[in-house]
Amino acid sequence: MVFILGNNFLENRLLKHCLETFYGIGTKHSTRILAKFSVFPGARVGQLPTKTINDITAELSTMTIETDLRRKMRDNIQRLRDMGSYRGRRHAMGLPVRGQRTRSQILTARKLNRIDRAN
């Protein structure tokens, strides 16, 4: 087991996939992190030296990910709701925010905004 930023990962998992399990890191950011530390994209977590793991952990700790990013997004949506802007009202009603069609294709937006209405 390899310990990266508070999470344990199996040694046979790809490092790229392990990085993508963190909230806020997708394919683009994980590829950039691997390139920054000259790690092969197909590298397994168990194959890496401890120094590289520590460097990657230090890089992740400087980024806004996981709880900090969730809090930041929640605060931004709450700010829009408090201002009473159009986007804030759409968030509050659970409707699509970015101009999507509402006549027949609204179910996905209602599912995604349901968490927001509970606050």
N, C-alpha and C. Protein backbone atom coordinates (compact mmCIF):
# COMPACT_ATOMS: atom_id res chain seq x y z
N MET A 1 0.83 -1.18 0.00
CA MET A 1 0.00 0.00 0.00
C MET A 1 0.88 1.25 0.00
N VAL A 2 0.51 2.19 -0.83
CA VAL A 2 1.24 3.46 -0.93
C VAL A 2 0.31 4.56 -0.44
N PHE A 3 0.84 5.43 0.38
CA PHE A 3 0.08 6.49 1.04
C PHE A 3 0.33 7.81 0.31
N ILE A 4 -0.71 8.37 -0.34
CA ILE A 4 -0.60 9.65 -1.04
C ILE A 4 -1.69 10.58 -0.53
N LEU A 5 -1.29 11.63 0.13
CA LEU A 5 -2.19 12.69 0.60
C LEU A 5 -3.40 12.15 1.37
N GLY A 6 -3.13 11.26 2.29
CA GLY A 6 -4.19 10.75 3.15
C GLY A 6 -4.96 9.57 2.60
N ASN A 7 -4.61 9.06 1.42
CA ASN A 7 -5.31 7.92 0.84
C ASN A 7 -4.33 6.79 0.59
N ASN A 8 -4.78 5.57 0.84
CA ASN A 8 -3.96 4.40 0.54
C ASN A 8 -4.32 3.86 -0.83
N PHE A 9 -3.31 3.52 -1.61
CA PHE A 9 -3.50 2.96 -2.94
C PHE A 9 -2.75 1.65 -3.06
N LEU A 10 -3.33 0.70 -3.77
CA LEU A 10 -2.66 -0.56 -4.01
C LEU A 10 -1.45 -0.33 -4.90
N GLU A 11 -0.44 -1.16 -4.73
CA GLU A 11 0.82 -0.95 -5.46
C GLU A 11 0.70 -1.27 -6.95
N ASN A 12 -0.30 -2.05 -7.34
CA ASN A 12 -0.41 -2.41 -8.75
C ASN A 12 -1.32 -1.47 -9.55
N ARG A 13 -1.85 -0.41 -8.91
CA ARG A 13 -2.68 0.57 -9.62
C ARG A 13 -1.82 1.54 -10.40
N LEU A 14 -2.35 2.03 -11.52
CA LEU A 14 -1.65 3.05 -12.28
C LEU A 14 -1.68 4.37 -11.51
N LEU A 15 -0.56 5.06 -11.52
CA LEU A 15 -0.46 6.33 -10.80
C LEU A 15 -1.43 7.35 -11.38
N LYS A 16 -1.60 7.34 -12.70
CA LYS A 16 -2.50 8.28 -13.35
C LYS A 16 -3.93 8.12 -12.82
N HIS A 17 -4.38 6.88 -12.66
CA HIS A 17 -5.72 6.64 -12.14
C HIS A 17 -5.83 7.00 -10.66
N CYS A 18 -4.76 6.79 -9.93
CA CYS A 18 -4.77 7.17 -8.51
C CYS A 18 -4.91 8.68 -8.34
N LEU A 19 -4.21 9.43 -9.18
CA LEU A 19 -4.31 10.89 -9.10
C LEU A 19 -5.70 11.36 -9.47
N GLU A 20 -6.34 10.67 -10.42
CA GLU A 20 -7.67 11.09 -10.88
C GLU A 20 -8.77 10.76 -9.87
N THR A 21 -8.46 9.99 -8.83
CA THR A 21 -9.47 9.72 -7.81
C THR A 21 -9.69 10.92 -6.89
N PHE A 22 -8.75 11.85 -6.86
CA PHE A 22 -8.91 13.06 -6.06
C PHE A 22 -9.90 14.00 -6.73
N TYR A 23 -10.79 14.59 -5.96
CA TYR A 23 -11.78 15.52 -6.49
C TYR A 23 -11.07 16.78 -6.98
N GLY A 24 -11.29 17.12 -8.23
CA GLY A 24 -10.67 18.32 -8.79
C GLY A 24 -9.49 18.02 -9.69
N ILE A 25 -9.07 16.76 -9.80
CA ILE A 25 -7.98 16.39 -10.68
C ILE A 25 -8.54 15.44 -11.73
N GLY A 26 -8.44 15.85 -12.97
CA GLY A 26 -8.91 15.03 -14.07
C GLY A 26 -7.74 14.53 -14.91
N THR A 27 -8.05 14.14 -16.12
CA THR A 27 -7.04 13.60 -17.02
C THR A 27 -5.97 14.63 -17.34
N LYS A 28 -6.39 15.84 -17.59
CA LYS A 28 -5.45 16.89 -17.97
C LYS A 28 -4.44 17.19 -16.86
N HIS A 29 -4.92 17.38 -15.65
CA HIS A 29 -4.03 17.71 -14.53
C HIS A 29 -3.14 16.54 -14.15
N SER A 30 -3.70 15.32 -14.18
CA SER A 30 -2.87 14.17 -13.83
C SER A 30 -1.74 13.97 -14.84
N THR A 31 -2.02 14.20 -16.12
CA THR A 31 -0.98 14.10 -17.14
C THR A 31 0.10 15.15 -16.93
N ARG A 32 -0.32 16.36 -16.56
CA ARG A 32 0.66 17.42 -16.32
C ARG A 32 1.54 17.12 -15.11
N ILE A 33 0.95 16.56 -14.07
CA ILE A 33 1.73 16.22 -12.87
C ILE A 33 2.74 15.14 -13.20
N LEU A 34 2.32 14.12 -13.97
CA LEU A 34 3.24 13.06 -14.36
C LEU A 34 4.38 13.61 -15.21
N ALA A 35 4.06 14.52 -16.12
CA ALA A 35 5.10 15.10 -16.98
C ALA A 35 6.06 15.97 -16.17
N LYS A 36 5.55 16.66 -15.18
CA LYS A 36 6.39 17.53 -14.37
C LYS A 36 7.46 16.75 -13.63
N PHE A 37 7.11 15.54 -13.18
CA PHE A 37 8.07 14.73 -12.43
C PHE A 37 8.69 13.62 -13.27
N SER A 38 8.53 13.70 -14.59
CA SER A 38 9.11 12.75 -15.55
C SER A 38 8.75 11.30 -15.22
N VAL A 39 7.46 11.08 -15.01
CA VAL A 39 6.98 9.74 -14.72
C VAL A 39 6.25 9.21 -15.95
N PHE A 40 6.53 7.98 -16.32
CA PHE A 40 5.88 7.33 -17.46
C PHE A 40 4.39 7.20 -17.16
N PRO A 41 3.50 7.53 -18.13
CA PRO A 41 2.06 7.47 -17.86
C PRO A 41 1.55 6.09 -17.46
N GLY A 42 2.24 5.03 -17.86
CA GLY A 42 1.81 3.69 -17.51
C GLY A 42 2.45 3.16 -16.25
N ALA A 43 3.08 4.02 -15.47
CA ALA A 43 3.80 3.58 -14.27
C ALA A 43 2.83 3.18 -13.17
N ARG A 44 3.20 2.15 -12.46
CA ARG A 44 2.42 1.68 -11.32
C ARG A 44 2.90 2.40 -10.06
N VAL A 45 2.04 2.49 -9.08
CA VAL A 45 2.37 3.21 -7.86
C VAL A 45 3.51 2.53 -7.12
N GLY A 46 3.53 1.22 -7.11
CA GLY A 46 4.56 0.48 -6.38
C GLY A 46 5.94 0.56 -7.00
N GLN A 47 6.03 0.93 -8.28
CA GLN A 47 7.31 1.00 -8.98
C GLN A 47 8.06 2.30 -8.71
N LEU A 48 7.38 3.29 -8.18
CA LEU A 48 7.99 4.60 -8.02
C LEU A 48 8.85 4.66 -6.76
N PRO A 49 9.95 5.41 -6.83
CA PRO A 49 10.74 5.60 -5.61
C PRO A 49 10.00 6.51 -4.62
N THR A 50 10.38 6.41 -3.37
CA THR A 50 9.72 7.17 -2.31
C THR A 50 9.85 8.67 -2.53
N LYS A 51 10.98 9.10 -3.07
CA LYS A 51 11.20 10.54 -3.31
C LYS A 51 10.16 11.09 -4.29
N THR A 52 9.88 10.34 -5.35
CA THR A 52 8.89 10.79 -6.33
C THR A 52 7.51 10.85 -5.70
N ILE A 53 7.16 9.87 -4.90
CA ILE A 53 5.86 9.87 -4.21
C ILE A 53 5.75 11.09 -3.30
N ASN A 54 6.82 11.40 -2.58
CA ASN A 54 6.82 12.58 -1.71
C ASN A 54 6.70 13.87 -2.51
N ASP A 55 7.37 13.94 -3.67
CA ASP A 55 7.26 15.13 -4.52
C ASP A 55 5.84 15.31 -5.04
N ILE A 56 5.22 14.21 -5.45
CA ILE A 56 3.85 14.29 -5.96
C ILE A 56 2.89 14.69 -4.83
N THR A 57 3.11 14.16 -3.65
CA THR A 57 2.28 14.53 -2.50
C THR A 57 2.43 16.01 -2.17
N ALA A 58 3.66 16.51 -2.25
CA ALA A 58 3.89 17.94 -2.00
C ALA A 58 3.20 18.79 -3.06
N GLU A 59 3.23 18.35 -4.31
CA GLU A 59 2.57 19.08 -5.39
C GLU A 59 1.06 19.10 -5.17
N LEU A 60 0.49 17.97 -4.77
CA LEU A 60 -0.95 17.91 -4.54
C LEU A 60 -1.37 18.78 -3.35
N SER A 61 -0.50 18.89 -2.36
CA SER A 61 -0.86 19.69 -1.19
C SER A 61 -0.88 21.18 -1.50
N THR A 62 -0.20 21.61 -2.56
CA THR A 62 -0.25 23.02 -2.94
C THR A 62 -1.47 23.35 -3.79
N MET A 63 -2.13 22.33 -4.35
CA MET A 63 -3.29 22.55 -5.22
C MET A 63 -4.57 22.65 -4.40
N THR A 64 -5.58 23.27 -4.97
CA THR A 64 -6.90 23.35 -4.34
C THR A 64 -7.70 22.15 -4.81
N ILE A 65 -7.76 21.11 -3.98
CA ILE A 65 -8.49 19.90 -4.34
C ILE A 65 -9.29 19.42 -3.14
N GLU A 66 -10.11 18.40 -3.38
CA GLU A 66 -10.91 17.74 -2.36
C GLU A 66 -11.80 18.72 -1.59
N THR A 67 -11.71 18.76 -0.29
CA THR A 67 -12.63 19.52 0.56
C THR A 67 -12.55 21.02 0.30
N ASP A 68 -11.33 21.52 0.07
CA ASP A 68 -11.18 22.96 -0.19
C ASP A 68 -11.91 23.37 -1.46
N LEU A 69 -11.80 22.54 -2.50
CA LEU A 69 -12.45 22.86 -3.77
C LEU A 69 -13.97 22.75 -3.64
N ARG A 70 -14.44 21.73 -2.93
CA ARG A 70 -15.89 21.60 -2.72
C ARG A 70 -16.44 22.81 -1.95
N ARG A 71 -15.71 23.25 -0.92
CA ARG A 71 -16.13 24.40 -0.14
C ARG A 71 -16.14 25.66 -1.00
N LYS A 72 -15.13 25.81 -1.83
CA LYS A 72 -15.03 26.99 -2.69
C LYS A 72 -16.21 27.03 -3.68
N MET A 73 -16.54 25.88 -4.27
CA MET A 73 -17.66 25.83 -5.21
C MET A 73 -18.98 26.11 -4.50
N ARG A 74 -19.14 25.54 -3.31
CA ARG A 74 -20.38 25.77 -2.55
C ARG A 74 -20.51 27.25 -2.17
N ASP A 75 -19.40 27.87 -1.79
CA ASP A 75 -19.43 29.30 -1.45
C ASP A 75 -19.76 30.16 -2.67
N ASN A 76 -19.22 29.79 -3.83
CA ASN A 76 -19.51 30.56 -5.04
C ASN A 76 -20.99 30.48 -5.40
N ILE A 77 -21.57 29.28 -5.30
CA ILE A 77 -22.99 29.13 -5.59
C ILE A 77 -23.83 29.87 -4.56
N GLN A 78 -23.43 29.81 -3.30
CA GLN A 78 -24.16 30.53 -2.26
C GLN A 78 -24.09 32.04 -2.46
N ARG A 79 -22.95 32.52 -2.93
CA ARG A 79 -22.80 33.95 -3.23
C ARG A 79 -23.77 34.36 -4.34
N LEU A 80 -23.89 33.52 -5.38
CA LEU A 80 -24.83 33.83 -6.46
C LEU A 80 -26.27 33.84 -5.96
N ARG A 81 -26.58 32.90 -5.06
CA ARG A 81 -27.94 32.84 -4.52
C ARG A 81 -28.24 34.06 -3.65
N ASP A 82 -27.26 34.47 -2.84
CA ASP A 82 -27.46 35.62 -1.96
C ASP A 82 -27.64 36.92 -2.75
N MET A 83 -26.92 37.03 -3.86
CA MET A 83 -27.04 38.23 -4.70
C MET A 83 -28.39 38.27 -5.39
N GLY A 84 -28.99 37.11 -5.58
CA GLY A 84 -30.27 37.06 -6.29
C GLY A 84 -30.10 37.11 -7.78
N SER A 85 -28.93 36.72 -8.27
CA SER A 85 -28.71 36.76 -9.71
C SER A 85 -29.51 35.66 -10.39
N TYR A 86 -29.58 35.74 -11.69
CA TYR A 86 -30.33 34.76 -12.48
C TYR A 86 -29.77 33.36 -12.25
N ARG A 87 -28.44 33.23 -12.30
CA ARG A 87 -27.82 31.93 -12.09
C ARG A 87 -28.09 31.40 -10.69
N GLY A 88 -28.08 32.29 -9.69
CA GLY A 88 -28.36 31.88 -8.33
C GLY A 88 -29.78 31.38 -8.15
N ARG A 89 -30.72 32.06 -8.78
CA ARG A 89 -32.11 31.61 -8.70
C ARG A 89 -32.30 30.27 -9.38
N ARG A 90 -31.61 30.07 -10.51
CA ARG A 90 -31.71 28.78 -11.21
C ARG A 90 -31.13 27.66 -10.36
N HIS A 91 -30.02 27.94 -9.68
CA HIS A 91 -29.46 26.94 -8.76
C HIS A 91 -30.46 26.63 -7.66
N ALA A 92 -31.07 27.66 -7.10
CA ALA A 92 -32.00 27.47 -5.98
C ALA A 92 -33.22 26.66 -6.40
N MET A 93 -33.68 26.84 -7.63
CA MET A 93 -34.86 26.12 -8.10
C MET A 93 -34.52 24.73 -8.63
N GLY A 94 -33.24 24.44 -8.80
CA GLY A 94 -32.86 23.14 -9.32
C GLY A 94 -33.03 23.01 -10.81
N LEU A 95 -32.97 24.13 -11.51
CA LEU A 95 -33.13 24.14 -12.96
C LEU A 95 -31.78 24.28 -13.63
N PRO A 96 -31.70 24.02 -14.94
CA PRO A 96 -30.42 24.18 -15.64
C PRO A 96 -29.93 25.62 -15.55
N VAL A 97 -28.63 25.78 -15.34
CA VAL A 97 -28.07 27.10 -15.08
C VAL A 97 -27.47 27.71 -16.34
N ARG A 98 -27.01 26.90 -17.24
CA ARG A 98 -26.24 27.41 -18.38
C ARG A 98 -27.02 27.46 -19.69
N GLY A 99 -28.29 27.68 -19.61
CA GLY A 99 -29.07 27.92 -20.82
C GLY A 99 -29.55 26.68 -21.53
N GLN A 100 -29.55 25.53 -20.86
CA GLN A 100 -30.02 24.32 -21.51
C GLN A 100 -31.54 24.35 -21.66
N ARG A 101 -32.02 23.46 -22.50
CA ARG A 101 -33.44 23.36 -22.78
C ARG A 101 -34.18 22.81 -21.56
N THR A 102 -35.36 23.39 -21.25
CA THR A 102 -36.10 22.94 -20.08
C THR A 102 -37.43 22.30 -20.45
N ARG A 103 -37.81 22.37 -21.70
CA ARG A 103 -39.13 21.85 -22.06
C ARG A 103 -39.19 20.33 -21.92
N SER A 104 -38.12 19.65 -22.35
CA SER A 104 -38.18 18.20 -22.31
C SER A 104 -36.94 17.55 -21.69
N GLN A 105 -35.88 18.30 -21.51
CA GLN A 105 -34.63 17.69 -21.07
C GLN A 105 -34.15 18.34 -19.78
N ILE A 106 -34.86 18.14 -18.71
CA ILE A 106 -34.53 18.83 -17.48
C ILE A 106 -34.15 17.86 -16.36
N LEU A 107 -34.35 16.56 -16.57
CA LEU A 107 -34.17 15.60 -15.48
C LEU A 107 -32.75 15.57 -14.94
N THR A 108 -31.75 15.67 -15.81
CA THR A 108 -30.37 15.62 -15.36
C THR A 108 -30.05 16.82 -14.48
N ALA A 109 -30.49 17.99 -14.86
CA ALA A 109 -30.23 19.18 -14.06
C ALA A 109 -30.90 19.09 -12.71
N ARG A 110 -32.08 18.54 -12.66
CA ARG A 110 -32.77 18.39 -11.37
C ARG A 110 -32.02 17.43 -10.47
N LYS A 111 -31.46 16.36 -11.06
CA LYS A 111 -30.68 15.42 -10.25
C LYS A 111 -29.43 16.08 -9.71
N LEU A 112 -28.73 16.83 -10.56
CA LEU A 112 -27.46 17.42 -10.16
C LEU A 112 -27.64 18.56 -9.18
N ASN A 113 -28.68 19.32 -9.28
CA ASN A 113 -28.90 20.46 -8.39
C ASN A 113 -29.61 20.07 -7.11
N ARG A 114 -30.02 18.82 -6.96
CA ARG A 114 -30.75 18.40 -5.77
C ARG A 114 -29.89 18.58 -4.51
N ILE A 115 -28.61 18.28 -4.60
CA ILE A 115 -27.72 18.42 -3.45
C ILE A 115 -27.66 19.88 -3.02
N ASP A 116 -27.68 20.76 -3.99
CA ASP A 116 -27.55 22.19 -3.72
C ASP A 116 -28.75 22.73 -2.97
N ARG A 117 -29.93 22.20 -3.26
CA ARG A 117 -31.14 22.72 -2.63
C ARG A 117 -31.23 22.29 -1.16
N ALA A 118 -30.53 21.22 -0.80
CA ALA A 118 -30.60 20.72 0.57
C ALA A 118 -29.89 21.65 1.56
N ASN A 119 -28.98 22.50 1.09
CA ASN A 119 -28.23 23.40 1.99
C ASN A 119 -29.07 24.50 2.53
